[in-house]
Amino acid sequence: MHEMGIVLNLARTIDEIVEEQHIEKVAAVVLEVGEVSGIMTDLFADAWDYFKPRHPYLSESELRIETIPAVTYCSGCGREYETVRYGKICPYCGSGETWLVKGNECIIKQIEVF
């Protein structure tokens, strides 16, 4: 369950930001998670609830997760398509010369404070 490790690193990063900015409490954290990042968002939310009491700045915070759709680019025809729907093979030209453009990220989008 790598969600625990990711949440721990996220909490540490937010702790550093809060201390640098002299913030007393975090109200919410908005996280963008890629559709094919491998992060199971329900487990991630459970891990967040487990760790937040251990980080005073986060103890009353809410986690909001926004999904980044996965998009793949085909160098064969130069088009982009939905990764989850079509996989590695381009639905337009049948080429396997494709690569993921977005959708495997995990980004802190916003930190809301009291």
N, C-alpha and C. Protein backbone atom coordinates (compact mmCIF):
# COMPACT_ATOMS: atom_id res chain seq x y z
N MET A 1 0.86 -1.18 0.00
CA MET A 1 0.00 0.00 0.00
C MET A 1 0.90 1.24 0.00
N HIS A 2 1.27 1.68 -1.18
CA HIS A 2 2.16 2.83 -1.30
C HIS A 2 1.46 4.15 -0.99
N GLU A 3 0.15 4.12 -0.86
CA GLU A 3 -0.60 5.33 -0.50
C GLU A 3 -0.12 5.90 0.83
N MET A 4 0.21 5.02 1.78
CA MET A 4 0.69 5.48 3.10
C MET A 4 1.98 6.29 2.95
N GLY A 5 2.90 5.80 2.15
CA GLY A 5 4.16 6.51 1.94
C GLY A 5 3.97 7.85 1.25
N ILE A 6 3.07 7.88 0.27
CA ILE A 6 2.80 9.12 -0.44
C ILE A 6 2.16 10.14 0.48
N VAL A 7 1.21 9.70 1.29
CA VAL A 7 0.55 10.61 2.24
C VAL A 7 1.56 11.12 3.26
N LEU A 8 2.44 10.26 3.74
CA LEU A 8 3.45 10.69 4.70
C LEU A 8 4.34 11.78 4.10
N ASN A 9 4.79 11.58 2.86
CA ASN A 9 5.61 12.61 2.20
C ASN A 9 4.81 13.88 1.94
N LEU A 10 3.56 13.74 1.57
CA LEU A 10 2.68 14.90 1.36
C LEU A 10 2.54 15.69 2.66
N ALA A 11 2.28 14.99 3.76
CA ALA A 11 2.13 15.66 5.05
C ALA A 11 3.41 16.38 5.46
N ARG A 12 4.54 15.76 5.23
CA ARG A 12 5.83 16.40 5.55
C ARG A 12 6.05 17.65 4.70
N THR A 13 5.72 17.56 3.43
CA THR A 13 5.86 18.71 2.53
C THR A 13 4.96 19.86 2.99
N ILE A 14 3.73 19.54 3.33
CA ILE A 14 2.80 20.57 3.79
C ILE A 14 3.28 21.16 5.11
N ASP A 15 3.81 20.33 6.02
CA ASP A 15 4.37 20.85 7.27
C ASP A 15 5.45 21.89 6.99
N GLU A 16 6.33 21.61 6.02
CA GLU A 16 7.40 22.55 5.67
C GLU A 16 6.83 23.86 5.12
N ILE A 17 5.86 23.76 4.24
CA ILE A 17 5.23 24.95 3.65
C ILE A 17 4.56 25.79 4.73
N VAL A 18 3.85 25.13 5.62
CA VAL A 18 3.13 25.82 6.69
C VAL A 18 4.11 26.56 7.60
N GLU A 19 5.21 25.91 7.94
CA GLU A 19 6.20 26.56 8.80
C GLU A 19 6.86 27.75 8.09
N GLU A 20 7.19 27.59 6.81
CA GLU A 20 7.80 28.68 6.05
C GLU A 20 6.88 29.88 5.93
N GLN A 21 5.57 29.63 5.77
CA GLN A 21 4.59 30.69 5.55
C GLN A 21 3.94 31.18 6.84
N HIS A 22 4.33 30.61 7.97
CA HIS A 22 3.78 30.98 9.28
C HIS A 22 2.26 30.82 9.33
N ILE A 23 1.80 29.67 8.88
CA ILE A 23 0.37 29.34 8.87
C ILE A 23 0.06 28.53 10.12
N GLU A 24 -1.08 28.82 10.74
CA GLU A 24 -1.42 28.10 11.97
C GLU A 24 -2.12 26.78 11.72
N LYS A 25 -3.07 26.75 10.80
CA LYS A 25 -3.83 25.53 10.52
C LYS A 25 -4.20 25.44 9.05
N VAL A 26 -4.24 24.23 8.55
CA VAL A 26 -4.66 23.96 7.18
C VAL A 26 -6.11 23.52 7.21
N ALA A 27 -6.95 24.16 6.40
CA ALA A 27 -8.37 23.80 6.33
C ALA A 27 -8.60 22.68 5.33
N ALA A 28 -7.90 22.74 4.19
CA ALA A 28 -8.09 21.73 3.15
C ALA A 28 -6.86 21.66 2.25
N VAL A 29 -6.68 20.49 1.70
CA VAL A 29 -5.64 20.27 0.70
C VAL A 29 -6.33 19.71 -0.53
N VAL A 30 -6.08 20.37 -1.67
CA VAL A 30 -6.64 19.89 -2.93
C VAL A 30 -5.50 19.22 -3.68
N LEU A 31 -5.71 17.96 -4.00
CA LEU A 31 -4.69 17.16 -4.64
C LEU A 31 -5.19 16.70 -6.01
N GLU A 32 -4.36 16.87 -7.02
CA GLU A 32 -4.68 16.35 -8.35
C GLU A 32 -3.97 15.01 -8.51
N VAL A 33 -4.75 13.98 -8.82
CA VAL A 33 -4.21 12.63 -8.94
C VAL A 33 -4.52 12.09 -10.32
N GLY A 34 -3.50 11.66 -11.02
CA GLY A 34 -3.66 11.13 -12.36
C GLY A 34 -4.45 9.83 -12.39
N GLU A 35 -5.24 9.71 -13.40
CA GLU A 35 -6.12 8.56 -13.59
C GLU A 35 -5.35 7.23 -13.64
N VAL A 36 -4.11 7.25 -14.12
CA VAL A 36 -3.31 6.04 -14.19
C VAL A 36 -2.06 6.14 -13.30
N SER A 37 -2.16 6.90 -12.23
CA SER A 37 -1.04 7.09 -11.31
C SER A 37 -0.77 5.85 -10.46
N GLY A 38 -1.74 4.98 -10.36
CA GLY A 38 -1.60 3.81 -9.50
C GLY A 38 -2.04 4.07 -8.08
N ILE A 39 -2.46 5.31 -7.81
CA ILE A 39 -2.93 5.65 -6.46
C ILE A 39 -4.41 5.31 -6.35
N MET A 40 -4.73 4.52 -5.37
CA MET A 40 -6.13 4.18 -5.11
C MET A 40 -6.68 5.26 -4.18
N THR A 41 -7.52 6.12 -4.70
CA THR A 41 -7.94 7.31 -3.97
C THR A 41 -8.69 7.00 -2.68
N ASP A 42 -9.43 5.90 -2.62
CA ASP A 42 -10.13 5.57 -1.38
C ASP A 42 -9.12 5.18 -0.29
N LEU A 43 -8.10 4.42 -0.65
CA LEU A 43 -7.05 4.08 0.31
C LEU A 43 -6.23 5.31 0.68
N PHE A 44 -6.03 6.20 -0.28
CA PHE A 44 -5.30 7.43 -0.04
C PHE A 44 -6.03 8.28 1.00
N ALA A 45 -7.35 8.39 0.85
CA ALA A 45 -8.16 9.16 1.81
C ALA A 45 -8.10 8.53 3.20
N ASP A 46 -8.12 7.22 3.27
CA ASP A 46 -8.00 6.53 4.56
C ASP A 46 -6.63 6.81 5.20
N ALA A 47 -5.59 6.77 4.39
CA ALA A 47 -4.24 7.06 4.89
C ALA A 47 -4.14 8.51 5.37
N TRP A 48 -4.79 9.42 4.65
CA TRP A 48 -4.82 10.83 5.07
C TRP A 48 -5.46 10.96 6.45
N ASP A 49 -6.59 10.31 6.63
CA ASP A 49 -7.28 10.37 7.93
C ASP A 49 -6.44 9.77 9.05
N TYR A 50 -5.63 8.77 8.72
CA TYR A 50 -4.76 8.16 9.70
C TYR A 50 -3.61 9.10 10.10
N PHE A 51 -3.00 9.77 9.12
CA PHE A 51 -1.83 10.60 9.38
C PHE A 51 -2.14 12.00 9.88
N LYS A 52 -3.26 12.57 9.53
CA LYS A 52 -3.48 13.99 9.86
C LYS A 52 -3.47 14.29 11.36
N PRO A 53 -3.95 13.41 12.25
CA PRO A 53 -3.84 13.75 13.68
C PRO A 53 -2.39 13.80 14.17
N ARG A 54 -1.48 13.20 13.44
CA ARG A 54 -0.07 13.17 13.82
C ARG A 54 0.69 14.40 13.33
N HIS A 55 -0.01 15.25 12.58
CA HIS A 55 0.58 16.48 12.07
C HIS A 55 -0.32 17.64 12.52
N PRO A 56 0.09 18.38 13.53
CA PRO A 56 -0.77 19.40 14.14
C PRO A 56 -1.41 20.38 13.15
N TYR A 57 -0.68 20.76 12.12
CA TYR A 57 -1.23 21.71 11.15
C TYR A 57 -2.38 21.11 10.35
N LEU A 58 -2.37 19.79 10.23
CA LEU A 58 -3.35 19.10 9.38
C LEU A 58 -4.50 18.47 10.15
N SER A 59 -4.48 18.56 11.46
CA SER A 59 -5.42 17.79 12.29
C SER A 59 -6.89 18.02 11.96
N GLU A 60 -7.24 19.20 11.49
CA GLU A 60 -8.64 19.50 11.17
C GLU A 60 -8.87 19.64 9.67
N SER A 61 -7.91 19.22 8.88
CA SER A 61 -7.97 19.45 7.43
C SER A 61 -8.83 18.43 6.69
N GLU A 62 -9.27 18.87 5.54
CA GLU A 62 -10.04 18.03 4.62
C GLU A 62 -9.18 17.77 3.40
N LEU A 63 -9.26 16.57 2.86
CA LEU A 63 -8.55 16.24 1.64
C LEU A 63 -9.56 16.20 0.50
N ARG A 64 -9.25 16.94 -0.56
CA ARG A 64 -10.09 16.90 -1.77
C ARG A 64 -9.22 16.39 -2.91
N ILE A 65 -9.73 15.38 -3.60
CA ILE A 65 -8.96 14.79 -4.69
C ILE A 65 -9.68 15.07 -6.01
N GLU A 66 -8.92 15.61 -6.96
CA GLU A 66 -9.41 15.84 -8.31
C GLU A 66 -8.65 14.91 -9.25
N THR A 67 -9.36 14.29 -10.17
CA THR A 67 -8.74 13.34 -11.09
C THR A 67 -8.27 14.03 -12.36
N ILE A 68 -7.03 13.73 -12.73
CA ILE A 68 -6.47 14.21 -14.00
C ILE A 68 -6.66 13.07 -15.01
N PRO A 69 -7.43 13.31 -16.07
CA PRO A 69 -7.64 12.25 -17.06
C PRO A 69 -6.32 11.87 -17.75
N ALA A 70 -6.17 10.58 -18.02
CA ALA A 70 -4.97 10.10 -18.71
C ALA A 70 -5.12 10.33 -20.22
N VAL A 71 -4.06 10.90 -20.81
CA VAL A 71 -4.05 11.19 -22.24
C VAL A 71 -2.76 10.62 -22.83
N THR A 72 -2.89 9.96 -23.96
CA THR A 72 -1.74 9.38 -24.67
C THR A 72 -1.59 10.06 -26.03
N TYR A 73 -0.34 10.26 -26.43
CA TYR A 73 -0.02 10.86 -27.73
C TYR A 73 0.52 9.77 -28.66
N CYS A 74 0.10 9.80 -29.91
CA CYS A 74 0.56 8.86 -30.92
C CYS A 74 1.51 9.58 -31.87
N SER A 75 2.75 9.11 -31.95
CA SER A 75 3.69 9.74 -32.88
C SER A 75 3.42 9.28 -34.31
N GLY A 76 2.66 8.22 -34.49
CA GLY A 76 2.31 7.75 -35.83
C GLY A 76 1.41 8.71 -36.57
N CYS A 77 0.39 9.23 -35.90
CA CYS A 77 -0.56 10.13 -36.57
C CYS A 77 -0.61 11.52 -35.92
N GLY A 78 0.08 11.69 -34.79
CA GLY A 78 0.13 13.00 -34.16
C GLY A 78 -1.11 13.38 -33.36
N ARG A 79 -1.94 12.40 -33.04
CA ARG A 79 -3.18 12.69 -32.31
C ARG A 79 -3.06 12.22 -30.86
N GLU A 80 -3.91 12.81 -30.02
CA GLU A 80 -4.02 12.39 -28.63
C GLU A 80 -5.34 11.64 -28.45
N TYR A 81 -5.36 10.74 -27.45
CA TYR A 81 -6.57 9.98 -27.18
C TYR A 81 -6.63 9.58 -25.71
N GLU A 82 -7.81 9.11 -25.29
CA GLU A 82 -8.03 8.69 -23.90
C GLU A 82 -7.27 7.39 -23.63
N THR A 83 -6.35 7.43 -22.70
CA THR A 83 -5.51 6.28 -22.39
C THR A 83 -6.31 5.11 -21.83
N VAL A 84 -7.15 5.39 -20.85
CA VAL A 84 -7.87 4.31 -20.18
C VAL A 84 -8.80 3.59 -21.15
N ARG A 85 -9.40 4.33 -22.03
CA ARG A 85 -10.35 3.74 -22.96
C ARG A 85 -9.67 2.89 -24.04
N TYR A 86 -8.51 3.35 -24.53
CA TYR A 86 -7.89 2.69 -25.67
C TYR A 86 -6.56 2.00 -25.40
N GLY A 87 -5.92 2.28 -24.29
CA GLY A 87 -4.65 1.63 -23.98
C GLY A 87 -3.49 2.17 -24.79
N LYS A 88 -2.54 1.30 -25.08
CA LYS A 88 -1.30 1.70 -25.75
C LYS A 88 -1.44 1.83 -27.26
N ILE A 89 -2.39 1.13 -27.86
CA ILE A 89 -2.54 1.15 -29.31
C ILE A 89 -3.46 2.30 -29.73
N CYS A 90 -2.98 3.13 -30.63
CA CYS A 90 -3.74 4.30 -31.09
C CYS A 90 -5.04 3.87 -31.78
N PRO A 91 -6.17 4.42 -31.35
CA PRO A 91 -7.44 4.05 -31.98
C PRO A 91 -7.63 4.67 -33.37
N TYR A 92 -6.81 5.63 -33.72
CA TYR A 92 -6.95 6.31 -35.00
C TYR A 92 -6.15 5.64 -36.12
N CYS A 93 -4.90 5.22 -35.79
CA CYS A 93 -4.06 4.66 -36.85
C CYS A 93 -3.53 3.26 -36.54
N GLY A 94 -3.76 2.78 -35.32
CA GLY A 94 -3.32 1.44 -34.95
C GLY A 94 -1.85 1.34 -34.56
N SER A 95 -1.18 2.45 -34.46
CA SER A 95 0.24 2.47 -34.11
C SER A 95 0.43 2.17 -32.63
N GLY A 96 1.55 1.53 -32.33
CA GLY A 96 1.96 1.32 -30.94
C GLY A 96 3.01 2.31 -30.51
N GLU A 97 3.33 3.26 -31.38
CA GLU A 97 4.33 4.30 -31.11
C GLU A 97 3.65 5.41 -30.31
N THR A 98 3.32 5.13 -29.08
CA THR A 98 2.56 6.06 -28.26
C THR A 98 3.25 6.26 -26.91
N TRP A 99 2.92 7.38 -26.27
CA TRP A 99 3.40 7.60 -24.92
C TRP A 99 2.41 8.45 -24.14
N LEU A 100 2.46 8.24 -22.85
CA LEU A 100 1.57 8.94 -21.93
C LEU A 100 1.97 10.40 -21.83
N VAL A 101 1.01 11.30 -22.04
CA VAL A 101 1.26 12.74 -21.96
C VAL A 101 0.93 13.25 -20.57
N LYS A 102 -0.20 12.80 -20.04
CA LYS A 102 -0.59 13.19 -18.68
C LYS A 102 -1.50 12.12 -18.11
N GLY A 103 -1.58 12.14 -16.77
CA GLY A 103 -2.47 11.20 -16.10
C GLY A 103 -1.79 10.31 -15.08
N ASN A 104 -0.47 10.48 -14.89
CA ASN A 104 0.21 9.70 -13.86
C ASN A 104 0.79 10.58 -12.75
N GLU A 105 0.32 11.82 -12.69
CA GLU A 105 0.82 12.78 -11.70
C GLU A 105 0.12 12.66 -10.34
N CYS A 106 0.76 13.27 -9.38
CA CYS A 106 0.16 13.51 -8.07
C CYS A 106 0.70 14.89 -7.64
N ILE A 107 -0.18 15.89 -7.68
CA ILE A 107 0.23 17.28 -7.52
C ILE A 107 -0.58 17.97 -6.43
N ILE A 108 0.10 18.71 -5.58
CA ILE A 108 -0.61 19.57 -4.63
C ILE A 108 -1.10 20.77 -5.43
N LYS A 109 -2.40 20.88 -5.60
CA LYS A 109 -2.97 21.97 -6.38
C LYS A 109 -3.18 23.22 -5.51
N GLN A 110 -3.65 22.97 -4.28
CA GLN A 110 -4.02 24.11 -3.45
C GLN A 110 -3.99 23.70 -1.98
N ILE A 111 -3.58 24.64 -1.14
CA ILE A 111 -3.64 24.47 0.31
C ILE A 111 -4.49 25.62 0.83
N GLU A 112 -5.60 25.29 1.44
CA GLU A 112 -6.48 26.31 2.01
C GLU A 112 -6.19 26.39 3.51
N VAL A 113 -6.18 27.61 4.02
CA VAL A 113 -5.88 27.81 5.44
C VAL A 113 -7.04 28.47 6.15
N PHE A 114 -7.05 28.33 7.48
CA PHE A 114 -8.08 28.98 8.29
C PHE A 114 -7.79 30.46 8.38
